[in-house]
Amino acid sequence: MKITLKDIAEDTGFSISTISRVLNNSDKISSDTRKKVLSSAKKLGYKIAKSGDSASKKHLNIALVATGFHQGEFYTSYFYGLNKAAQQNNVRLFLSVVIDHQKGLVKLLKSLASEYYDGIVLCIPELFSSDHEIIASELPNDFPVLSNSLIENPVFPTITFDSYSGGYLAAKHFQEQGYKKVGIILGPSERSESRFRKNGFTDYVTQQRGMELTWSCDGDYTFQSGISAFEDFLQNKNQPEAVFASNDTMANGFLQTAKKNHFKIPEDVALIGYDDLPYNEHTQPSLSSIRTDYEKLGNATIKALLETLSENNFTSNVLSFVPVSVSHRESS
């Protein structure tokens, strides 16, 4: 029978992550803990790579747990960026998809924490602070968990994009292009990052003399809600000159429907999205967007995990924002 880290953890009483750090020669482990773990490994017959072996090169194994995962540019860009950052930092990244976060999530995370993983990154924007508290209570105290999703009052360290600045920059961009009457397609109201994008956009507009928010429409981040938003836009008597869509998928739905209705972009209505997905360069016209750099997000996330492990600090619930910028293209 193959001996695993779980066997050593059960024999010593230490957590899987502590066993992993000992076997990876972390300098933050006490000599007494190291001695007990190595003694147990030897007793149980666990093969430890010698310091000169290629197999002894330290790799961190990180589980990326995401929900709502489906075919499309957003998740492709997100996972590609994080995986690229992982390769740069000698980290192995493993993707695990949750179909329904309300069923089996805690069980899954406990299973991952008991296997050969050094930490978990959550991308589950549907969670609330109370959900994080339940997860924290079920996982070992010395097992690092980070979140890439913005939630209210985060329990775990959170590394995410600056959604408020994204909305703010979209409105500022419209002003710089000379647009005065503006509108917004909102994202799901229950999502924190959606509310931040809205607040950034509307705050800038209300602070500027001569700018006016003349239209807003509820959306849910889908292509269909972009189509519905344009149909609502047609019914508005005071149509805006420029529209900010809270993600690129809705912006694309709005764009394609506007073209079918013989609207010229940006002559009849200018448009900017959010996320700067790769297809934006190939739409007709090309789509302006708020750029979110997923490789930069990945590097910040992995750096935070490494610091957490090296400093043995598993309690910090710091919230860190990754800057965003404007990708200016033909649609605005």
C-alpha atoms as a PDB file:
ATOM      1  CA  MET A   1       0.000   0.000   0.000  1.00  0.00           C
ATOM      2  CA  LYS A   2       1.322   3.418  -0.970  1.00  0.00           C
ATOM      3  CA  ILE A   3       2.054   5.667   1.998  1.00  0.00           C
ATOM      4  CA  THR A   4       0.671   9.194   1.640  1.00  0.00           C
ATOM      5  CA  LEU A   5       0.948  12.491   3.492  1.00  0.00           C
ATOM      6  CA  LYS A   6      -2.419  11.697   5.064  1.00  0.00           C
ATOM      7  CA  ASP A   7      -0.904   8.606   6.711  1.00  0.00           C
ATOM      8  CA  ILE A   8       1.912  10.669   8.220  1.00  0.00           C
ATOM      9  CA  ALA A   9      -0.593  13.313   9.369  1.00  0.00           C
ATOM     10  CA  GLU A  10      -2.681  10.657  11.136  1.00  0.00           C
ATOM     11  CA  ASP A  11       0.405   9.171  12.765  1.00  0.00           C
ATOM     12  CA  THR A  12       1.791  12.493  14.035  1.00  0.00           C
ATOM     13  CA  GLY A  13      -1.353  14.539  14.617  1.00  0.00           C
ATOM     14  CA  PHE A  14      -0.069  17.348  12.390  1.00  0.00           C
ATOM     15  CA  SER A  15      -2.042  18.694   9.431  1.00  0.00           C
ATOM     16  CA  ILE A  16      -1.377  17.758   5.803  1.00  0.00           C
ATOM     17  CA  SER A  17      -0.046  21.261   5.089  1.00  0.00           C
ATOM     18  CA  THR A  18       2.453  21.007   7.986  1.00  0.00           C
ATOM     19  CA  ILE A  19       3.651  17.625   6.707  1.00  0.00           C
ATOM     20  CA  SER A  20       4.028  19.111   3.230  1.00  0.00           C
ATOM     21  CA  ARG A  21       6.093  22.045   4.480  1.00  0.00           C
ATOM     22  CA  VAL A  22       8.414  19.732   6.432  1.00  0.00           C
ATOM     23  CA  LEU A  23       9.014  17.512   3.414  1.00  0.00           C
ATOM     24  CA  ASN A  24       9.571  20.588   1.241  1.00  0.00           C
ATOM     25  CA  ASN A  25      12.251  21.837   3.654  1.00  0.00           C
ATOM     26  CA  SER A  26      10.451  24.960   4.807  1.00  0.00           C
ATOM     27  CA  ASP A  27      12.625  27.022   7.172  1.00  0.00           C
ATOM     28  CA  LYS A  28       9.539  28.100   9.162  1.00  0.00           C
ATOM     29  CA  ILE A  29       9.059  24.683  10.816  1.00  0.00           C
ATOM     30  CA  SER A  30      10.362  24.038  14.331  1.00  0.00           C
ATOM     31  CA  SER A  31      13.120  21.448  14.725  1.00  0.00           C
ATOM     32  CA  ASP A  32      10.920  19.376  17.031  1.00  0.00           C
ATOM     33  CA  THR A  33       8.066  19.240  14.495  1.00  0.00           C
ATOM     34  CA  ARG A  34      10.499  18.426  11.694  1.00  0.00           C
ATOM     35  CA  LYS A  35      12.041  15.611  13.712  1.00  0.00           C
ATOM     36  CA  LYS A  36       8.657  14.033  14.528  1.00  0.00           C
ATOM     37  CA  VAL A  37       7.458  14.210  10.921  1.00  0.00           C
ATOM     38  CA  LEU A  38      10.661  12.779   9.424  1.00  0.00           C
ATOM     39  CA  SER A  39      10.732  10.042  12.038  1.00  0.00           C
ATOM     40  CA  SER A  40       7.142   9.079  11.208  1.00  0.00           C
ATOM     41  CA  ALA A  41       7.852   9.137   7.471  1.00  0.00           C
ATOM     42  CA  LYS A  42      10.811   6.815   7.949  1.00  0.00           C
ATOM     43  CA  LYS A  43       8.828   4.479  10.205  1.00  0.00           C
ATOM     44  CA  LEU A  44       5.925   4.244   7.753  1.00  0.00           C
ATOM     45  CA  GLY A  45       8.191   3.783   4.763  1.00  0.00           C
ATOM     46  CA  TYR A  46       7.437   7.071   2.993  1.00  0.00           C
ATOM     47  CA  LYS A  47      10.119   7.750   0.380  1.00  0.00           C
ATOM     48  CA  ILE A  48      11.690  11.179   0.839  1.00  0.00           C
ATOM     49  CA  ALA A  49      13.637  12.592  -2.107  1.00  0.00           C
ATOM     50  CA  LYS A  50      17.262  13.414  -1.390  1.00  0.00           C
ATOM     51  CA  SER A  51      18.285  17.052  -1.568  1.00  0.00           C
ATOM     52  CA  GLY A  52      20.192  16.510  -4.799  1.00  0.00           C
ATOM     53  CA  ASP A  53      17.365  14.687  -6.590  1.00  0.00           C
ATOM     54  CA  SER A  54      15.391  16.475  -9.287  1.00  0.00           C
ATOM     55  CA  ALA A  55      12.268  15.242  -7.522  1.00  0.00           C
ATOM     56  CA  SER A  56      13.209  17.292  -4.455  1.00  0.00           C
ATOM     57  CA  LYS A  57      12.742  20.596  -6.270  1.00  0.00           C
ATOM     58  CA  LYS A  58      10.008  22.329  -4.336  1.00  0.00           C
ATOM     59  CA  HIS A  59       6.632  22.720  -5.947  1.00  0.00           C
ATOM     60  CA  LEU A  60       3.545  24.073  -4.285  1.00  0.00           C
ATOM     61  CA  ASN A  61       0.338  22.297  -5.215  1.00  0.00           C
ATOM     62  CA  ILE A  62      -2.603  24.726  -5.252  1.00  0.00           C
ATOM     63  CA  ALA A  63      -6.234  23.778  -5.858  1.00  0.00           C
ATOM     64  CA  LEU A  64      -8.267  26.408  -7.745  1.00  0.00           C
ATOM     65  CA  VAL A  65     -11.947  25.921  -6.897  1.00  0.00           C
ATOM     66  CA  ALA A  66     -14.374  27.758  -9.186  1.00  0.00           C
ATOM     67  CA  THR A  67     -18.136  27.799  -9.636  1.00  0.00           C
ATOM     68  CA  GLY A  68     -20.357  28.795 -12.551  1.00  0.00           C
ATOM     69  CA  PHE A  69     -17.613  27.453 -14.819  1.00  0.00           C
ATOM     70  CA  HIS A  70     -18.751  27.074 -18.417  1.00  0.00           C
ATOM     71  CA  GLN A  71     -17.458  27.409 -21.953  1.00  0.00           C
ATOM     72  CA  GLY A  72     -16.560  30.973 -22.752  1.00  0.00           C
ATOM     73  CA  GLU A  73     -13.819  33.550 -22.945  1.00  0.00           C
ATOM     74  CA  PHE A  74     -14.029  34.774 -19.327  1.00  0.00           C
ATOM     75  CA  TYR A  75     -13.092  31.490 -17.647  1.00  0.00           C
ATOM     76  CA  THR A  76     -10.551  30.693 -20.342  1.00  0.00           C
ATOM     77  CA  SER A  77      -8.822  34.018 -19.693  1.00  0.00           C
ATOM     78  CA  TYR A  78      -9.052  33.645 -15.908  1.00  0.00           C
ATOM     79  CA  PHE A  79      -7.602  30.143 -15.742  1.00  0.00           C
ATOM     80  CA  TYR A  80      -4.982  30.846 -18.420  1.00  0.00           C
ATOM     81  CA  GLY A  81      -3.725  33.899 -16.540  1.00  0.00           C
ATOM     82  CA  LEU A  82      -3.529  32.115 -13.185  1.00  0.00           C
ATOM     83  CA  ASN A  83      -1.925  29.034 -14.697  1.00  0.00           C
ATOM     84  CA  LYS A  84       0.705  31.170 -16.444  1.00  0.00           C
ATOM     85  CA  ALA A  85       1.514  32.895 -13.150  1.00  0.00           C
ATOM     86  CA  ALA A  86       1.705  29.487 -11.436  1.00  0.00           C
ATOM     87  CA  GLN A  87       4.300  28.268 -13.920  1.00  0.00           C
ATOM     88  CA  GLN A  88       6.401  31.364 -13.315  1.00  0.00           C
ATOM     89  CA  ASN A  89       6.351  30.726  -9.565  1.00  0.00           C
ATOM     90  CA  ASN A  90       7.075  26.976  -9.525  1.00  0.00           C
ATOM     91  CA  VAL A  91       3.500  26.173  -8.523  1.00  0.00           C
ATOM     92  CA  ARG A  92       1.262  23.388  -9.798  1.00  0.00           C
ATOM     93  CA  LEU A  93      -2.325  24.580 -10.235  1.00  0.00           C
ATOM     94  CA  PHE A  94      -5.219  22.090 -10.214  1.00  0.00           C
ATOM     95  CA  LEU A  95      -8.709  23.143 -11.272  1.00  0.00           C
ATOM     96  CA  SER A  96     -11.782  21.814  -9.469  1.00  0.00           C
ATOM     97  CA  VAL A  97     -15.225  22.956 -10.628  1.00  0.00           C
ATOM     98  CA  VAL A  98     -18.250  23.241  -8.338  1.00  0.00           C
ATOM     99  CA  ILE A  99     -21.582  22.899 -10.145  1.00  0.00           C
ATOM    100  CA  ASP A 100     -23.667  23.958  -7.148  1.00  0.00           C
ATOM    101  CA  HIS A 101     -21.815  25.761  -4.352  1.00  0.00           C
ATOM    102  CA  GLN A 102     -24.690  25.077  -1.941  1.00  0.00           C
ATOM    103  CA  LYS A 103     -24.199  21.312  -2.185  1.00  0.00           C
ATOM    104  CA  GLY A 104     -20.988  19.570  -1.244  1.00  0.00           C
ATOM    105  CA  LEU A 105     -18.630  22.554  -1.274  1.00  0.00           C
ATOM    106  CA  VAL A 106     -17.402  22.141   2.301  1.00  0.00           C
ATOM    107  CA  LYS A 107     -16.956  18.402   1.772  1.00  0.00           C
ATOM    108  CA  LEU A 108     -14.923  19.056  -1.366  1.00  0.00           C
ATOM    109  CA  LEU A 109     -12.689  21.622   0.331  1.00  0.00           C
ATOM    110  CA  LYS A 110     -12.084  19.329   3.318  1.00  0.00           C
ATOM    111  CA  SER A 111     -11.136  16.572   0.887  1.00  0.00           C
ATOM    112  CA  LEU A 112      -8.691  18.849  -0.940  1.00  0.00           C
ATOM    113  CA  ALA A 113      -7.165  19.999   2.357  1.00  0.00           C
ATOM    114  CA  SER A 114      -6.601  16.373   3.383  1.00  0.00           C
ATOM    115  CA  GLU A 115      -4.848  15.514   0.118  1.00  0.00           C
ATOM    116  CA  TYR A 116      -1.526  16.717  -1.217  1.00  0.00           C
ATOM    117  CA  TYR A 117      -2.392  20.394  -1.584  1.00  0.00           C
ATOM    118  CA  ASP A 118      -0.637  23.325   0.041  1.00  0.00           C
ATOM    119  CA  GLY A 119      -3.518  25.765  -0.312  1.00  0.00           C
ATOM    120  CA  ILE A 120      -6.806  26.608  -2.006  1.00  0.00           C
ATOM    121  CA  VAL A 121      -7.856  29.580  -4.157  1.00  0.00           C
ATOM    122  CA  LEU A 122     -11.599  30.216  -4.316  1.00  0.00           C
ATOM    123  CA  CYS A 123     -13.357  31.812  -7.283  1.00  0.00           C
ATOM    124  CA  ILE A 124     -16.923  31.615  -6.015  1.00  0.00           C
ATOM    125  CA  PRO A 125     -18.543  35.076  -6.140  1.00  0.00           C
ATOM    126  CA  GLU A 126     -21.905  33.670  -4.988  1.00  0.00           C
ATOM    127  CA  LEU A 127     -20.579  33.118  -1.447  1.00  0.00           C
ATOM    128  CA  PHE A 128     -21.262  35.395   1.505  1.00  0.00           C
ATOM    129  CA  SER A 129     -19.189  36.126   4.590  1.00  0.00           C
ATOM    130  CA  SER A 130     -21.225  33.555   6.541  1.00  0.00           C
ATOM    131  CA  ASP A 131     -20.279  30.893   3.961  1.00  0.00           C
ATOM    132  CA  HIS A 132     -16.606  31.749   4.400  1.00  0.00           C
ATOM    133  CA  GLU A 133     -17.003  31.436   8.161  1.00  0.00           C
ATOM    134  CA  ILE A 134     -18.427  27.923   7.781  1.00  0.00           C
ATOM    135  CA  ILE A 135     -15.560  26.933   5.477  1.00  0.00           C
ATOM    136  CA  ALA A 136     -12.985  28.360   7.899  1.00  0.00           C
ATOM    137  CA  SER A 137     -14.492  26.418  10.794  1.00  0.00           C
ATOM    138  CA  GLU A 138     -14.267  23.125   8.888  1.00  0.00           C
ATOM    139  CA  LEU A 139     -10.696  23.415   7.563  1.00  0.00           C
ATOM    140  CA  PRO A 140      -7.431  23.110   9.537  1.00  0.00           C
ATOM    141  CA  ASN A 141      -6.324  26.397  11.106  1.00  0.00           C
ATOM    142  CA  ASP A 142      -2.950  26.196   9.373  1.00  0.00           C
ATOM    143  CA  PHE A 143      -4.300  25.501   5.883  1.00  0.00           C
ATOM    144  CA  PRO A 144      -4.219  28.619   3.641  1.00  0.00           C
ATOM    145  CA  VAL A 145      -7.314  29.658   1.703  1.00  0.00           C
ATOM    146  CA  LEU A 146      -7.469  32.774  -0.509  1.00  0.00           C
ATOM    147  CA  SER A 147     -10.333  34.198  -2.551  1.00  0.00           C
ATOM    148  CA  ASN A 148     -10.274  35.847  -5.978  1.00  0.00           C
ATOM    149  CA  SER A 149     -13.915  36.879  -5.598  1.00  0.00           C
ATOM    150  CA  LEU A 150     -14.988  40.083  -3.919  1.00  0.00           C
ATOM    151  CA  ILE A 151     -17.512  39.517  -1.134  1.00  0.00           C
ATOM    152  CA  GLU A 152     -18.742  41.685   1.731  1.00  0.00           C
ATOM    153  CA  ASN A 153     -16.603  41.382   4.902  1.00  0.00           C
ATOM    154  CA  PRO A 154     -14.214  38.700   3.596  1.00  0.00           C
ATOM    155  CA  VAL A 155     -13.039  36.073   6.081  1.00  0.00           C
ATOM    156  CA  PHE A 156     -10.145  34.852   3.934  1.00  0.00           C
ATOM    157  CA  PRO A 157      -7.435  37.007   2.346  1.00  0.00           C
ATOM    158  CA  THR A 158      -8.943  38.314  -0.885  1.00  0.00           C
ATOM    159  CA  ILE A 159      -7.023  39.274  -4.028  1.00  0.00           C
ATOM    160  CA  THR A 160      -9.308  40.702  -6.694  1.00  0.00           C
ATOM    161  CA  PHE A 161      -9.660  43.413  -9.315  1.00  0.00           C
ATOM    162  CA  ASP A 162     -10.545  46.980  -8.355  1.00  0.00           C
ATOM    163  CA  SER A 163     -14.118  46.955  -9.629  1.00  0.00           C
ATOM    164  CA  TYR A 164     -14.940  50.408  -8.281  1.00  0.00           C
ATOM    165  CA  SER A 165     -12.044  51.948 -10.204  1.00  0.00           C
ATOM    166  CA  GLY A 166     -13.165  50.026 -13.291  1.00  0.00           C
ATOM    167  CA  GLY A 167     -16.561  51.710 -13.280  1.00  0.00           C
ATOM    168  CA  TYR A 168     -14.965  55.049 -12.439  1.00  0.00           C
ATOM    169  CA  LEU A 169     -12.508  54.761 -15.350  1.00  0.00           C
ATOM    170  CA  ALA A 170     -15.321  53.852 -17.775  1.00  0.00           C
ATOM    171  CA  ALA A 171     -17.209  57.052 -16.909  1.00  0.00           C
ATOM    172  CA  LYS A 172     -14.023  59.130 -17.050  1.00  0.00           C
ATOM    173  CA  HIS A 173     -13.238  57.673 -20.475  1.00  0.00           C
ATOM    174  CA  PHE A 174     -16.651  58.725 -21.771  1.00  0.00           C
ATOM    175  CA  GLN A 175     -16.106  62.264 -20.495  1.00  0.00           C
ATOM    176  CA  GLU A 176     -12.685  62.444 -22.148  1.00  0.00           C
ATOM    177  CA  GLN A 177     -14.301  61.366 -25.431  1.00  0.00           C
ATOM    178  CA  GLY A 178     -16.846  64.181 -25.136  1.00  0.00           C
ATOM    179  CA  TYR A 179     -19.932  62.169 -24.172  1.00  0.00           C
ATOM    180  CA  LYS A 180     -22.271  63.841 -21.696  1.00  0.00           C
ATOM    181  CA  LYS A 181     -25.397  61.667 -21.555  1.00  0.00           C
ATOM    182  CA  VAL A 182     -24.416  58.180 -20.421  1.00  0.00           C
ATOM    183  CA  GLY A 183     -26.072  54.909 -19.439  1.00  0.00           C
ATOM    184  CA  ILE A 184     -25.156  51.627 -17.744  1.00  0.00           C
ATOM    185  CA  ILE A 185     -26.103  47.952 -18.068  1.00  0.00           C
ATOM    186  CA  LEU A 186     -25.883  46.618 -14.529  1.00  0.00           C
ATOM    187  CA  GLY A 187     -24.598  43.233 -13.446  1.00  0.00           C
ATOM    188  CA  PRO A 188     -26.368  40.961 -10.917  1.00  0.00           C
ATOM    189  CA  SER A 189     -27.243  43.022  -7.845  1.00  0.00           C
ATOM    190  CA  GLU A 190     -26.301  40.197  -5.474  1.00  0.00           C
ATOM    191  CA  ARG A 191     -22.694  40.221  -6.698  1.00  0.00           C
ATOM    192  CA  SER A 192     -20.377  42.579  -4.830  1.00  0.00           C
ATOM    193  CA  GLU A 193     -18.138  43.318  -7.809  1.00  0.00           C
ATOM    194  CA  SER A 194     -21.209  44.263  -9.851  1.00  0.00           C
ATOM    195  CA  ARG A 195     -22.282  46.810  -7.240  1.00  0.00           C
ATOM    196  CA  PHE A 196     -18.749  48.222  -7.067  1.00  0.00           C
ATOM    197  CA  ARG A 197     -18.658  48.715 -10.859  1.00  0.00           C
ATOM    198  CA  LYS A 198     -21.992  50.513 -10.719  1.00  0.00           C
ATOM    199  CA  ASN A 199     -20.919  52.716  -7.798  1.00  0.00           C
ATOM    200  CA  GLY A 200     -17.659  53.717  -9.452  1.00  0.00           C
ATOM    201  CA  PHE A 201     -19.447  54.659 -12.662  1.00  0.00           C
ATOM    202  CA  THR A 202     -22.325  56.582 -11.092  1.00  0.00           C
ATOM    203  CA  ASP A 203     -20.092  58.340  -8.553  1.00  0.00           C
ATOM    204  CA  TYR A 204     -17.926  59.770 -11.318  1.00  0.00           C
ATOM    205  CA  VAL A 205     -20.939  60.869 -13.382  1.00  0.00           C
ATOM    206  CA  THR A 206     -22.653  62.641 -10.479  1.00  0.00           C
ATOM    207  CA  GLN A 207     -19.437  64.464  -9.562  1.00  0.00           C
ATOM    208  CA  GLN A 208     -18.973  65.978 -13.029  1.00  0.00           C
ATOM    209  CA  ARG A 209     -20.749  69.097 -14.205  1.00  0.00           C
ATOM    210  CA  GLY A 210     -22.373  68.507 -17.580  1.00  0.00           C
ATOM    211  CA  MET A 211     -22.535  64.703 -17.315  1.00  0.00           C
ATOM    212  CA  GLU A 212     -25.887  62.984 -16.821  1.00  0.00           C
ATOM    213  CA  LEU A 213     -26.971  59.393 -16.233  1.00  0.00           C
ATOM    214  CA  THR A 214     -30.053  59.117 -18.459  1.00  0.00           C
ATOM    215  CA  TRP A 215     -30.582  55.337 -18.557  1.00  0.00           C
ATOM    216  CA  SER A 216     -29.808  52.142 -16.659  1.00  0.00           C
ATOM    217  CA  CYS A 217     -30.921  48.559 -17.167  1.00  0.00           C
ATOM    218  CA  ASP A 218     -30.626  45.404 -15.065  1.00  0.00           C
ATOM    219  CA  GLY A 219     -28.511  42.583 -16.468  1.00  0.00           C
ATOM    220  CA  ASP A 220     -27.133  39.216 -15.393  1.00  0.00           C
ATOM    221  CA  TYR A 221     -23.791  39.039 -17.264  1.00  0.00           C
ATOM    222  CA  THR A 222     -25.286  36.942 -20.113  1.00  0.00           C
ATOM    223  CA  PHE A 223     -25.350  37.678 -23.856  1.00  0.00           C
ATOM    224  CA  GLN A 224     -29.146  37.547 -23.770  1.00  0.00           C
ATOM    225  CA  SER A 225     -29.314  40.277 -21.131  1.00  0.00           C
ATOM    226  CA  GLY A 226     -27.222  42.456 -23.468  1.00  0.00           C
ATOM    227  CA  ILE A 227     -29.831  41.895 -26.170  1.00  0.00           C
ATOM    228  CA  SER A 228     -32.638  42.723 -23.725  1.00  0.00           C
ATOM    229  CA  ALA A 229     -30.765  45.832 -22.619  1.00  0.00           C
ATOM    230  CA  PHE A 230     -30.688  47.190 -26.177  1.00  0.00           C
ATOM    231  CA  GLU A 231     -34.423  46.560 -26.539  1.00  0.00           C
ATOM    232  CA  ASP A 232     -34.976  48.526 -23.328  1.00  0.00           C
ATOM    233  CA  PHE A 233     -32.586  51.220 -24.586  1.00  0.00           C
ATOM    234  CA  LEU A 234     -34.789  51.671 -27.690  1.00  0.00           C
ATOM    235  CA  GLN A 235     -37.783  52.453 -25.484  1.00  0.00           C
ATOM    236  CA  ASN A 236     -35.968  55.185 -23.560  1.00  0.00           C
ATOM    237  CA  LYS A 237     -36.981  58.689 -24.653  1.00  0.00           C
ATOM    238  CA  ASN A 238     -33.745  60.240 -23.381  1.00  0.00           C
ATOM    239  CA  GLN A 239     -31.235  57.828 -24.910  1.00  0.00           C
ATOM    240  CA  PRO A 240     -27.628  58.115 -23.722  1.00  0.00           C
ATOM    241  CA  GLU A 241     -24.792  58.884 -26.106  1.00  0.00           C
ATOM    242  CA  ALA A 242     -22.582  56.228 -24.507  1.00  0.00           C
ATOM    243  CA  VAL A 243     -23.256  52.998 -22.569  1.00  0.00           C
ATOM    244  CA  PHE A 244     -21.097  51.137 -20.041  1.00  0.00           C
ATOM    245  CA  ALA A 245     -21.869  47.403 -19.899  1.00  0.00           C
ATOM    246  CA  SER A 246     -20.739  45.769 -16.661  1.00  0.00           C
ATOM    247  CA  ASN A 247     -19.126  42.886 -18.529  1.00  0.00           C
ATOM    248  CA  ASP A 248     -18.007  42.154 -22.088  1.00  0.00           C
ATOM    249  CA  THR A 249     -20.609  39.454 -22.723  1.00  0.00           C
ATOM    250  CA  MET A 250     -23.485  41.903 -22.184  1.00  0.00           C
ATOM    251  CA  ALA A 251     -21.613  44.558 -24.167  1.00  0.00           C
ATOM    252  CA  ASN A 252     -21.301  42.154 -27.086  1.00  0.00           C
ATOM    253  CA  GLY A 253     -25.010  41.263 -26.923  1.00  0.00           C
ATOM    254  CA  PHE A 254     -25.863  44.982 -26.943  1.00  0.00           C
ATOM    255  CA  LEU A 255     -23.433  45.641 -29.809  1.00  0.00           C
ATOM    256  CA  GLN A 256     -24.686  42.864 -32.085  1.00  0.00           C
ATOM    257  CA  THR A 257     -28.349  43.797 -31.518  1.00  0.00           C
ATOM    258  CA  ALA A 258     -27.646  47.483 -32.136  1.00  0.00           C
ATOM    259  CA  LYS A 259     -26.052  46.621 -35.471  1.00  0.00           C
ATOM    260  CA  LYS A 260     -29.045  44.476 -36.458  1.00  0.00           C
ATOM    261  CA  ASN A 261     -31.216  47.515 -35.780  1.00  0.00           C
ATOM    262  CA  HIS A 262     -29.019  49.631 -38.069  1.00  0.00           C
ATOM    263  CA  PHE A 263     -27.362  51.599 -35.263  1.00  0.00           C
ATOM    264  CA  LYS A 264     -23.843  52.772 -35.953  1.00  0.00           C
ATOM    265  CA  ILE A 265     -21.278  52.317 -33.182  1.00  0.00           C
ATOM    266  CA  PRO A 266     -20.000  54.721 -31.896  1.00  0.00           C
ATOM    267  CA  GLU A 267     -21.779  57.355 -34.026  1.00  0.00           C
ATOM    268  CA  ASP A 268     -25.273  56.554 -32.695  1.00  0.00           C
ATOM    269  CA  VAL A 269     -24.184  55.186 -29.322  1.00  0.00           C
ATOM    270  CA  ALA A 270     -20.699  54.544 -27.934  1.00  0.00           C
ATOM    271  CA  LEU A 271     -19.990  51.408 -25.896  1.00  0.00           C
ATOM    272  CA  ILE A 272     -17.457  50.102 -23.376  1.00  0.00           C
ATOM    273  CA  GLY A 273     -17.449  46.721 -21.627  1.00  0.00           C
ATOM    274  CA  TYR A 274     -15.564  45.181 -18.715  1.00  0.00           C
ATOM    275  CA  ASP A 275     -12.938  42.357 -18.612  1.00  0.00           C
ATOM    276  CA  ASP A 276     -11.254  43.036 -21.989  1.00  0.00           C
ATOM    277  CA  LEU A 277     -11.717  39.503 -23.284  1.00  0.00           C
ATOM    278  CA  PRO A 278      -9.738  38.450 -26.374  1.00  0.00           C
ATOM    279  CA  TYR A 279     -12.700  38.568 -28.788  1.00  0.00           C
ATOM    280  CA  ASN A 280     -13.035  42.341 -28.218  1.00  0.00           C
ATOM    281  CA  GLU A 281     -10.315  42.950 -30.785  1.00  0.00           C
ATOM    282  CA  HIS A 282     -12.273  41.031 -33.436  1.00  0.00           C
ATOM    283  CA  THR A 283     -15.792  42.442 -33.085  1.00  0.00           C
ATOM    284  CA  GLN A 284     -16.982  44.961 -35.669  1.00  0.00           C
ATOM    285  CA  PRO A 285     -16.298  47.588 -34.494  1.00  0.00           C
ATOM    286  CA  SER A 286     -13.664  46.476 -31.989  1.00  0.00           C
ATOM    287  CA  LEU A 287     -14.961  46.763 -28.439  1.00  0.00           C
ATOM    288  CA  SER A 288     -13.494  49.112 -25.835  1.00  0.00           C
ATOM    289  CA  SER A 289     -13.298  47.590 -22.375  1.00  0.00           C
ATOM    290  CA  ILE A 290     -11.923  47.841 -18.852  1.00  0.00           C
ATOM    291  CA  ARG A 291      -8.825  45.635 -18.884  1.00  0.00           C
ATOM    292  CA  THR A 292      -8.351  43.069 -16.139  1.00  0.00           C
ATOM    293  CA  ASP A 293      -4.914  41.411 -16.211  1.00  0.00           C
ATOM    294  CA  TYR A 294      -5.386  37.809 -15.042  1.00  0.00           C
ATOM    295  CA  GLU A 295      -1.683  37.021 -15.075  1.00  0.00           C
ATOM    296  CA  LYS A 296      -1.144  39.940 -12.704  1.00  0.00           C
ATOM    297  CA  LEU A 297      -4.011  38.648 -10.555  1.00  0.00           C
ATOM    298  CA  GLY A 298      -2.416  35.194 -10.533  1.00  0.00           C
ATOM    299  CA  ASN A 299       0.995  36.516  -9.516  1.00  0.00           C
ATOM    300  CA  ALA A 300      -0.512  38.565  -6.683  1.00  0.00           C
ATOM    301  CA  THR A 301      -2.532  35.548  -5.507  1.00  0.00           C
ATOM    302  CA  ILE A 302       0.401  33.137  -5.523  1.00  0.00           C
ATOM    303  CA  LYS A 303       2.664  35.679  -3.843  1.00  0.00           C
ATOM    304  CA  ALA A 304       0.113  36.050  -1.055  1.00  0.00           C
ATOM    305  CA  LEU A 305      -0.102  32.275  -0.640  1.00  0.00           C
ATOM    306  CA  LEU A 306       3.681  31.947  -0.488  1.00  0.00           C
ATOM    307  CA  GLU A 307       3.878  34.686   2.129  1.00  0.00           C
ATOM    308  CA  THR A 308       1.115  33.028   4.137  1.00  0.00           C
ATOM    309  CA  LEU A 309       2.969  29.722   4.149  1.00  0.00           C
ATOM    310  CA  SER A 310       6.411  31.166   4.845  1.00  0.00           C
ATOM    311  CA  GLU A 311       5.213  33.419   7.661  1.00  0.00           C
ATOM    312  CA  ASN A 312       2.747  30.879   9.142  1.00  0.00           C
ATOM    313  CA  ASN A 313       0.103  33.634   9.149  1.00  0.00           C
ATOM    314  CA  PHE A 314      -3.241  31.998   8.392  1.00  0.00           C
ATOM    315  CA  THR A 315      -5.605  34.475  10.023  1.00  0.00           C
ATOM    316  CA  SER A 316      -5.240  37.662   7.985  1.00  0.00           C
ATOM    317  CA  ASN A 317      -8.382  38.673   6.060  1.00  0.00           C
ATOM    318  CA  VAL A 318      -6.670  41.462   4.110  1.00  0.00           C
ATOM    319  CA  LEU A 319      -8.412  42.737   0.974  1.00  0.00           C
ATOM    320  CA  SER A 320      -6.035  43.606  -1.887  1.00  0.00           C
ATOM    321  CA  PHE A 321      -7.056  45.175  -5.194  1.00  0.00           C
ATOM    322  CA  VAL A 322      -5.300  44.581  -8.517  1.00  0.00           C
ATOM    323  CA  PRO A 323      -5.414  47.751 -10.682  1.00  0.00           C
ATOM    324  CA  VAL A 324      -7.448  47.893 -13.901  1.00  0.00           C
ATOM    325  CA  SER A 325      -7.100  50.132 -16.970  1.00  0.00           C
ATOM    326  CA  VAL A 326      -8.948  51.216 -20.128  1.00  0.00           C
ATOM    327  CA  SER A 327      -8.481  49.447 -23.460  1.00  0.00           C
ATOM    328  CA  HIS A 328      -9.664  52.096 -25.924  1.00  0.00           C
ATOM    329  CA  ARG A 329     -10.948  50.726 -29.236  1.00  0.00           C
ATOM    330  CA  GLU A 330     -13.356  51.707 -32.017  1.00  0.00           C
ATOM    331  CA  SER A 331     -16.631  51.303 -30.089  1.00  0.00           C
ATOM    332  CA  SER A 332     -15.951  54.433 -28.013  1.00  0.00           C
END
